[in-house]
Amino acid sequence: MPHAVRQFWLLTLFAALSAGCGGSAPPAADRGVSAAPGVRHPVVVRTPLGPPGVPTGTFDEKGRPVTVACATCHTTKPANADAKLGTPLIQFHQGLVGKHGILSCTSCHNPADGYASLRLADGKGVPYSQVMTLCAQCHGPQYRDYQHGAHGGMTGHWDLSQGGRSRLNCIDCHDSHTPKYPTVSPAPGPNDRFQTGGGHE
């Protein structure tokens, strides 16, 4: 890539980062508004509401899908530690397709309370709202990158003295049973209309 083009894209990136993740730079009148010296606006991480329900295929009077709590069925039988993602399930969750290593269901779901919570590697149960704690146990590099803003979706400000930030959690973007994104090809790079030969290198 020619030096001038590289400089242009670095300056563009710098301008975007200076403006924050929320889009274009704020109007000039708003640029001077900041928190008191040393005060930082909050970073809010979106959290799941609770254990997922299993869809029943029916809807209530307001048109919302009716779900059944996991414990409704899972407390009627002992946990099957041999049930693994990717193997056919006979009684529950037929058709669930999973590809997440060689994990069993009880690697992440807590059988002690009918799967109403998650289970850490040390056996401790945590609520579904702490799903990132569970994911971070095995996905350390991704969690490190998330903490530094290089992984995961967010909106708001990089500079927290200018405004707050809202972040997504792991399962907002990744299916917990099949978390890998399909491979995609990146879009072609921009064409420089000032280069000779039609702008292609």
C-alpha atoms as a PDB file:
ATOM      1  CA  MET A   1       0.000   0.000   0.000  1.00  0.00           C
ATOM      2  CA  PRO A   2       1.497   3.406  -0.944  1.00  0.00           C
ATOM      3  CA  HIS A   3       2.608   5.622   1.935  1.00  0.00           C
ATOM      4  CA  ALA A   4       0.043   8.371   1.187  1.00  0.00           C
ATOM      5  CA  VAL A   5      -2.850   5.886   1.203  1.00  0.00           C
ATOM      6  CA  ARG A   6      -1.625   4.313   4.455  1.00  0.00           C
ATOM      7  CA  GLN A   7      -1.369   7.787   6.039  1.00  0.00           C
ATOM      8  CA  PHE A   8      -4.894   8.644   4.899  1.00  0.00           C
ATOM      9  CA  TRP A   9      -6.377   5.509   6.488  1.00  0.00           C
ATOM     10  CA  LEU A  10      -4.412   5.958   9.718  1.00  0.00           C
ATOM     11  CA  LEU A  11      -5.689   9.546  10.023  1.00  0.00           C
ATOM     12  CA  THR A  12      -9.227   8.377   9.273  1.00  0.00           C
ATOM     13  CA  LEU A  13      -8.947   5.685  11.950  1.00  0.00           C
ATOM     14  CA  PHE A  14      -7.550   8.197  14.449  1.00  0.00           C
ATOM     15  CA  ALA A  15     -10.418  10.612  13.751  1.00  0.00           C
ATOM     16  CA  ALA A  16     -12.984   7.829  14.205  1.00  0.00           C
ATOM     17  CA  LEU A  17     -11.453   6.693  17.487  1.00  0.00           C
ATOM     18  CA  SER A  18     -11.271  10.269  18.743  1.00  0.00           C
ATOM     19  CA  ALA A  19     -14.966  10.706  18.008  1.00  0.00           C
ATOM     20  CA  GLY A  20     -15.954   7.564  19.940  1.00  0.00           C
ATOM     21  CA  CYS A  21     -17.800   4.480  18.788  1.00  0.00           C
ATOM     22  CA  GLY A  22     -21.164   6.170  18.532  1.00  0.00           C
ATOM     23  CA  GLY A  23     -20.608   7.556  15.038  1.00  0.00           C
ATOM     24  CA  SER A  24     -19.453  10.989  13.942  1.00  0.00           C
ATOM     25  CA  ALA A  25     -17.853  13.549  16.230  1.00  0.00           C
ATOM     26  CA  PRO A  26     -20.283  15.425  18.509  1.00  0.00           C
ATOM     27  CA  PRO A  27     -21.281  18.967  17.546  1.00  0.00           C
ATOM     28  CA  ALA A  28     -18.787  21.656  18.559  1.00  0.00           C
ATOM     29  CA  ALA A  29     -21.113  22.891  21.310  1.00  0.00           C
ATOM     30  CA  ASP A  30     -21.123  19.458  22.912  1.00  0.00           C
ATOM     31  CA  ARG A  31     -17.384  18.792  22.716  1.00  0.00           C
ATOM     32  CA  GLY A  32     -16.610  20.866  25.799  1.00  0.00           C
ATOM     33  CA  VAL A  33     -19.150  19.041  27.974  1.00  0.00           C
ATOM     34  CA  SER A  34     -17.323  16.493  30.072  1.00  0.00           C
ATOM     35  CA  ALA A  35     -17.442  15.013  33.521  1.00  0.00           C
ATOM     36  CA  ALA A  36     -15.731  16.755  36.414  1.00  0.00           C
ATOM     37  CA  PRO A  37     -11.953  16.210  36.452  1.00  0.00           C
ATOM     38  CA  GLY A  38     -11.181  12.611  37.343  1.00  0.00           C
ATOM     39  CA  VAL A  39     -14.827  11.495  36.980  1.00  0.00           C
ATOM     40  CA  ARG A  40     -15.531   8.790  34.427  1.00  0.00           C
ATOM     41  CA  HIS A  41     -18.882   7.871  32.952  1.00  0.00           C
ATOM     42  CA  PRO A  42     -20.030   4.267  33.452  1.00  0.00           C
ATOM     43  CA  VAL A  43     -19.481   1.298  31.190  1.00  0.00           C
ATOM     44  CA  VAL A  44     -22.646  -0.802  31.166  1.00  0.00           C
ATOM     45  CA  VAL A  45     -22.331  -4.430  30.079  1.00  0.00           C
ATOM     46  CA  ARG A  46     -25.573  -5.927  28.867  1.00  0.00           C
ATOM     47  CA  THR A  47     -26.467  -9.055  30.824  1.00  0.00           C
ATOM     48  CA  PRO A  48     -28.939 -11.853  30.091  1.00  0.00           C
ATOM     49  CA  LEU A  49     -32.110 -11.732  32.156  1.00  0.00           C
ATOM     50  CA  GLY A  50     -32.010 -15.269  33.460  1.00  0.00           C
ATOM     51  CA  PRO A  51     -32.056 -18.925  32.492  1.00  0.00           C
ATOM     52  CA  PRO A  52     -33.395 -19.507  29.014  1.00  0.00           C
ATOM     53  CA  GLY A  53     -36.760 -21.121  28.607  1.00  0.00           C
ATOM     54  CA  VAL A  54     -37.520 -23.913  26.191  1.00  0.00           C
ATOM     55  CA  PRO A  55     -40.024 -22.795  23.518  1.00  0.00           C
ATOM     56  CA  THR A  56     -43.242 -24.798  23.543  1.00  0.00           C
ATOM     57  CA  GLY A  57     -44.425 -23.713  20.093  1.00  0.00           C
ATOM     58  CA  THR A  58     -47.436 -21.936  21.607  1.00  0.00           C
ATOM     59  CA  PHE A  59     -48.141 -18.262  22.278  1.00  0.00           C
ATOM     60  CA  ASP A  60     -49.913 -16.395  25.082  1.00  0.00           C
ATOM     61  CA  GLU A  61     -52.829 -13.981  24.634  1.00  0.00           C
ATOM     62  CA  LYS A  62     -50.406 -11.120  23.793  1.00  0.00           C
ATOM     63  CA  GLY A  63     -48.628 -13.158  21.097  1.00  0.00           C
ATOM     64  CA  ARG A  64     -45.480 -13.809  23.136  1.00  0.00           C
ATOM     65  CA  PRO A  65     -43.928 -17.283  22.873  1.00  0.00           C
ATOM     66  CA  VAL A  66     -44.622 -19.537  25.851  1.00  0.00           C
ATOM     67  CA  THR A  67     -41.524 -21.167  27.317  1.00  0.00           C
ATOM     68  CA  VAL A  68     -40.959 -23.813  29.963  1.00  0.00           C
ATOM     69  CA  ALA A  69     -38.239 -23.487  32.607  1.00  0.00           C
ATOM     70  CA  CYS A  70     -35.341 -25.953  32.271  1.00  0.00           C
ATOM     71  CA  ALA A  71     -36.005 -27.354  35.751  1.00  0.00           C
ATOM     72  CA  THR A  72     -39.535 -28.390  34.740  1.00  0.00           C
ATOM     73  CA  CYS A  73     -38.065 -31.428  33.001  1.00  0.00           C
ATOM     74  CA  HIS A  74     -34.482 -31.607  34.242  1.00  0.00           C
ATOM     75  CA  THR A  75     -35.453 -32.112  37.894  1.00  0.00           C
ATOM     76  CA  THR A  76     -37.437 -35.246  36.990  1.00  0.00           C
ATOM     77  CA  LYS A  77     -34.374 -37.272  35.939  1.00  0.00           C
ATOM     78  CA  PRO A  78     -30.759 -37.401  37.080  1.00  0.00           C
ATOM     79  CA  ALA A  79     -28.268 -35.422  35.004  1.00  0.00           C
ATOM     80  CA  ASN A  80     -26.651 -37.303  32.172  1.00  0.00           C
ATOM     81  CA  ALA A  81     -22.963 -36.350  32.305  1.00  0.00           C
ATOM     82  CA  ASP A  82     -22.366 -38.376  29.128  1.00  0.00           C
ATOM     83  CA  ALA A  83     -24.637 -36.156  26.997  1.00  0.00           C
ATOM     84  CA  LYS A  84     -22.253 -34.177  24.810  1.00  0.00           C
ATOM     85  CA  LEU A  85     -22.740 -31.480  22.226  1.00  0.00           C
ATOM     86  CA  GLY A  86     -22.935 -32.939  18.761  1.00  0.00           C
ATOM     87  CA  THR A  87     -24.381 -36.304  19.851  1.00  0.00           C
ATOM     88  CA  PRO A  88     -28.050 -37.054  19.151  1.00  0.00           C
ATOM     89  CA  LEU A  89     -30.240 -36.322  22.174  1.00  0.00           C
ATOM     90  CA  ILE A  90     -33.204 -38.655  22.535  1.00  0.00           C
ATOM     91  CA  GLN A  91     -35.436 -37.279  25.304  1.00  0.00           C
ATOM     92  CA  PHE A  92     -34.648 -33.570  25.507  1.00  0.00           C
ATOM     93  CA  HIS A  93     -33.592 -30.989  22.938  1.00  0.00           C
ATOM     94  CA  GLN A  94     -33.928 -33.154  19.853  1.00  0.00           C
ATOM     95  CA  GLY A  95     -32.480 -31.243  16.931  1.00  0.00           C
ATOM     96  CA  LEU A  96     -30.084 -29.191  19.048  1.00  0.00           C
ATOM     97  CA  VAL A  97     -26.943 -28.889  16.977  1.00  0.00           C
ATOM     98  CA  GLY A  98     -23.827 -28.093  18.921  1.00  0.00           C
ATOM     99  CA  LYS A  99     -20.192 -27.705  18.055  1.00  0.00           C
ATOM    100  CA  HIS A 100     -18.213 -26.381  20.998  1.00  0.00           C
ATOM    101  CA  GLY A 101     -15.303 -28.721  21.601  1.00  0.00           C
ATOM    102  CA  ILE A 102     -16.036 -31.999  23.374  1.00  0.00           C
ATOM    103  CA  LEU A 103     -18.065 -30.385  26.146  1.00  0.00           C
ATOM    104  CA  SER A 104     -20.857 -32.187  27.891  1.00  0.00           C
ATOM    105  CA  CYS A 105     -24.025 -30.325  28.859  1.00  0.00           C
ATOM    106  CA  THR A 106     -22.929 -30.375  32.506  1.00  0.00           C
ATOM    107  CA  SER A 107     -19.640 -28.690  31.589  1.00  0.00           C
ATOM    108  CA  CYS A 108     -21.566 -25.412  31.544  1.00  0.00           C
ATOM    109  CA  HIS A 109     -25.064 -26.089  32.903  1.00  0.00           C
ATOM    110  CA  ASN A 110     -25.502 -26.748  36.615  1.00  0.00           C
ATOM    111  CA  PRO A 111     -27.377 -30.025  37.235  1.00  0.00           C
ATOM    112  CA  ALA A 112     -27.637 -29.290  40.979  1.00  0.00           C
ATOM    113  CA  ASP A 113     -30.574 -26.910  40.456  1.00  0.00           C
ATOM    114  CA  GLY A 114     -32.178 -28.396  37.348  1.00  0.00           C
ATOM    115  CA  TYR A 115     -29.982 -26.344  35.019  1.00  0.00           C
ATOM    116  CA  ALA A 116     -31.377 -23.065  36.379  1.00  0.00           C
ATOM    117  CA  SER A 117     -27.808 -21.740  36.658  1.00  0.00           C
ATOM    118  CA  LEU A 118     -24.423 -22.137  35.004  1.00  0.00           C
ATOM    119  CA  ARG A 119     -21.583 -24.255  36.374  1.00  0.00           C
ATOM    120  CA  LEU A 120     -17.968 -23.089  36.530  1.00  0.00           C
ATOM    121  CA  ALA A 121     -15.046 -25.499  36.096  1.00  0.00           C
ATOM    122  CA  ASP A 122     -14.624 -25.720  39.881  1.00  0.00           C
ATOM    123  CA  GLY A 123     -18.271 -26.813  40.258  1.00  0.00           C
ATOM    124  CA  LYS A 124     -19.509 -23.492  41.637  1.00  0.00           C
ATOM    125  CA  GLY A 125     -22.865 -22.349  40.290  1.00  0.00           C
ATOM    126  CA  VAL A 126     -23.291 -18.839  38.891  1.00  0.00           C
ATOM    127  CA  PRO A 127     -26.429 -17.147  37.553  1.00  0.00           C
ATOM    128  CA  TYR A 128     -26.949 -16.815  33.810  1.00  0.00           C
ATOM    129  CA  SER A 129     -26.305 -13.082  34.170  1.00  0.00           C
ATOM    130  CA  GLN A 130     -22.632 -13.996  34.786  1.00  0.00           C
ATOM    131  CA  VAL A 131     -22.250 -15.924  31.534  1.00  0.00           C
ATOM    132  CA  MET A 132     -19.054 -13.990  30.703  1.00  0.00           C
ATOM    133  CA  THR A 133     -17.390 -15.427  33.832  1.00  0.00           C
ATOM    134  CA  LEU A 134     -18.123 -18.896  32.469  1.00  0.00           C
ATOM    135  CA  CYS A 135     -16.889 -18.144  28.941  1.00  0.00           C
ATOM    136  CA  ALA A 136     -13.705 -16.430  30.184  1.00  0.00           C
ATOM    137  CA  GLN A 137     -12.525 -19.651  31.864  1.00  0.00           C
ATOM    138  CA  CYS A 138     -11.690 -21.219  28.492  1.00  0.00           C
ATOM    139  CA  HIS A 139     -11.569 -18.201  26.195  1.00  0.00           C
ATOM    140  CA  GLY A 140      -8.941 -16.129  27.983  1.00  0.00           C
ATOM    141  CA  PRO A 141      -7.426 -14.331  24.961  1.00  0.00           C
ATOM    142  CA  GLN A 142     -10.869 -13.281  23.729  1.00  0.00           C
ATOM    143  CA  TYR A 143     -11.843 -12.079  27.215  1.00  0.00           C
ATOM    144  CA  ARG A 144      -8.568 -10.136  27.522  1.00  0.00           C
ATOM    145  CA  ASP A 145      -9.259  -8.504  24.157  1.00  0.00           C
ATOM    146  CA  TYR A 146     -12.847  -7.793  25.240  1.00  0.00           C
ATOM    147  CA  GLN A 147     -11.595  -6.026  28.373  1.00  0.00           C
ATOM    148  CA  HIS A 148      -9.377  -3.792  26.216  1.00  0.00           C
ATOM    149  CA  GLY A 149     -12.112  -3.027  23.679  1.00  0.00           C
ATOM    150  CA  ALA A 150     -10.681  -5.054  20.792  1.00  0.00           C
ATOM    151  CA  HIS A 151     -13.327  -7.810  20.874  1.00  0.00           C
ATOM    152  CA  GLY A 152     -17.068  -7.534  21.210  1.00  0.00           C
ATOM    153  CA  GLY A 153     -19.630  -4.929  20.250  1.00  0.00           C
ATOM    154  CA  MET A 154     -20.017  -1.580  21.936  1.00  0.00           C
ATOM    155  CA  THR A 155     -21.544   1.847  21.474  1.00  0.00           C
ATOM    156  CA  GLY A 156     -20.706   5.100  23.176  1.00  0.00           C
ATOM    157  CA  HIS A 157     -17.407   6.789  23.922  1.00  0.00           C
ATOM    158  CA  TRP A 158     -13.810   5.584  24.057  1.00  0.00           C
ATOM    159  CA  ASP A 159     -13.042   8.582  26.277  1.00  0.00           C
ATOM    160  CA  LEU A 160     -15.193   7.949  29.356  1.00  0.00           C
ATOM    161  CA  SER A 161     -14.736  11.538  30.545  1.00  0.00           C
ATOM    162  CA  GLN A 162     -16.900  12.523  27.541  1.00  0.00           C
ATOM    163  CA  GLY A 163     -19.706  10.004  28.007  1.00  0.00           C
ATOM    164  CA  GLY A 164     -20.645   6.440  28.878  1.00  0.00           C
ATOM    165  CA  ARG A 165     -20.295   3.225  26.953  1.00  0.00           C
ATOM    166  CA  SER A 166     -22.593   0.239  26.460  1.00  0.00           C
ATOM    167  CA  ARG A 167     -21.124  -3.210  25.774  1.00  0.00           C
ATOM    168  CA  LEU A 168     -22.542  -6.521  24.642  1.00  0.00           C
ATOM    169  CA  ASN A 169     -21.785  -9.836  26.327  1.00  0.00           C
ATOM    170  CA  CYS A 170     -20.524 -13.064  24.764  1.00  0.00           C
ATOM    171  CA  ILE A 171     -23.903 -14.613  23.965  1.00  0.00           C
ATOM    172  CA  ASP A 172     -25.244 -11.459  22.320  1.00  0.00           C
ATOM    173  CA  CYS A 173     -23.003 -12.322  19.362  1.00  0.00           C
ATOM    174  CA  HIS A 174     -22.119 -16.006  19.805  1.00  0.00           C
ATOM    175  CA  ASP A 175     -24.482 -18.976  20.009  1.00  0.00           C
ATOM    176  CA  SER A 176     -23.277 -20.687  23.168  1.00  0.00           C
ATOM    177  CA  HIS A 177     -23.727 -24.147  21.641  1.00  0.00           C
ATOM    178  CA  THR A 178     -22.148 -23.300  18.263  1.00  0.00           C
ATOM    179  CA  PRO A 179     -20.073 -20.173  18.916  1.00  0.00           C
ATOM    180  CA  LYS A 180     -17.800 -20.081  15.868  1.00  0.00           C
ATOM    181  CA  TYR A 181     -18.701 -17.600  13.165  1.00  0.00           C
ATOM    182  CA  PRO A 182     -18.680 -18.927   9.594  1.00  0.00           C
ATOM    183  CA  THR A 183     -15.543 -18.011   7.662  1.00  0.00           C
ATOM    184  CA  VAL A 184     -16.014 -14.915   5.524  1.00  0.00           C
ATOM    185  CA  SER A 185     -13.834 -13.100   3.017  1.00  0.00           C
ATOM    186  CA  PRO A 186     -12.966  -9.485   3.813  1.00  0.00           C
ATOM    187  CA  ALA A 187     -14.310  -6.773   1.533  1.00  0.00           C
ATOM    188  CA  PRO A 188     -11.861  -5.464  -1.063  1.00  0.00           C
ATOM    189  CA  GLY A 189      -9.842  -2.456  -0.011  1.00  0.00           C
ATOM    190  CA  PRO A 190     -10.683   1.092  -1.103  1.00  0.00           C
ATOM    191  CA  ASN A 191      -9.598   2.313  -4.509  1.00  0.00           C
ATOM    192  CA  ASP A 192      -7.510   5.464  -4.668  1.00  0.00           C
ATOM    193  CA  ARG A 193      -8.828   7.542  -7.578  1.00  0.00           C
ATOM    194  CA  PHE A 194      -5.551   9.494  -7.718  1.00  0.00           C
ATOM    195  CA  GLN A 195      -3.422   6.440  -8.465  1.00  0.00           C
ATOM    196  CA  THR A 196      -2.578   5.604 -12.031  1.00  0.00           C
ATOM    197  CA  GLY A 197      -3.883   2.479 -13.668  1.00  0.00           C
ATOM    198  CA  GLY A 198      -7.476   2.764 -12.429  1.00  0.00           C
ATOM    199  CA  GLY A 199      -6.671   2.822  -8.728  1.00  0.00           C
ATOM    200  CA  HIS A 200      -5.600  -0.811  -8.305  1.00  0.00           C
ATOM    201  CA  GLU A 201      -2.219  -1.849  -6.965  1.00  0.00           C
END
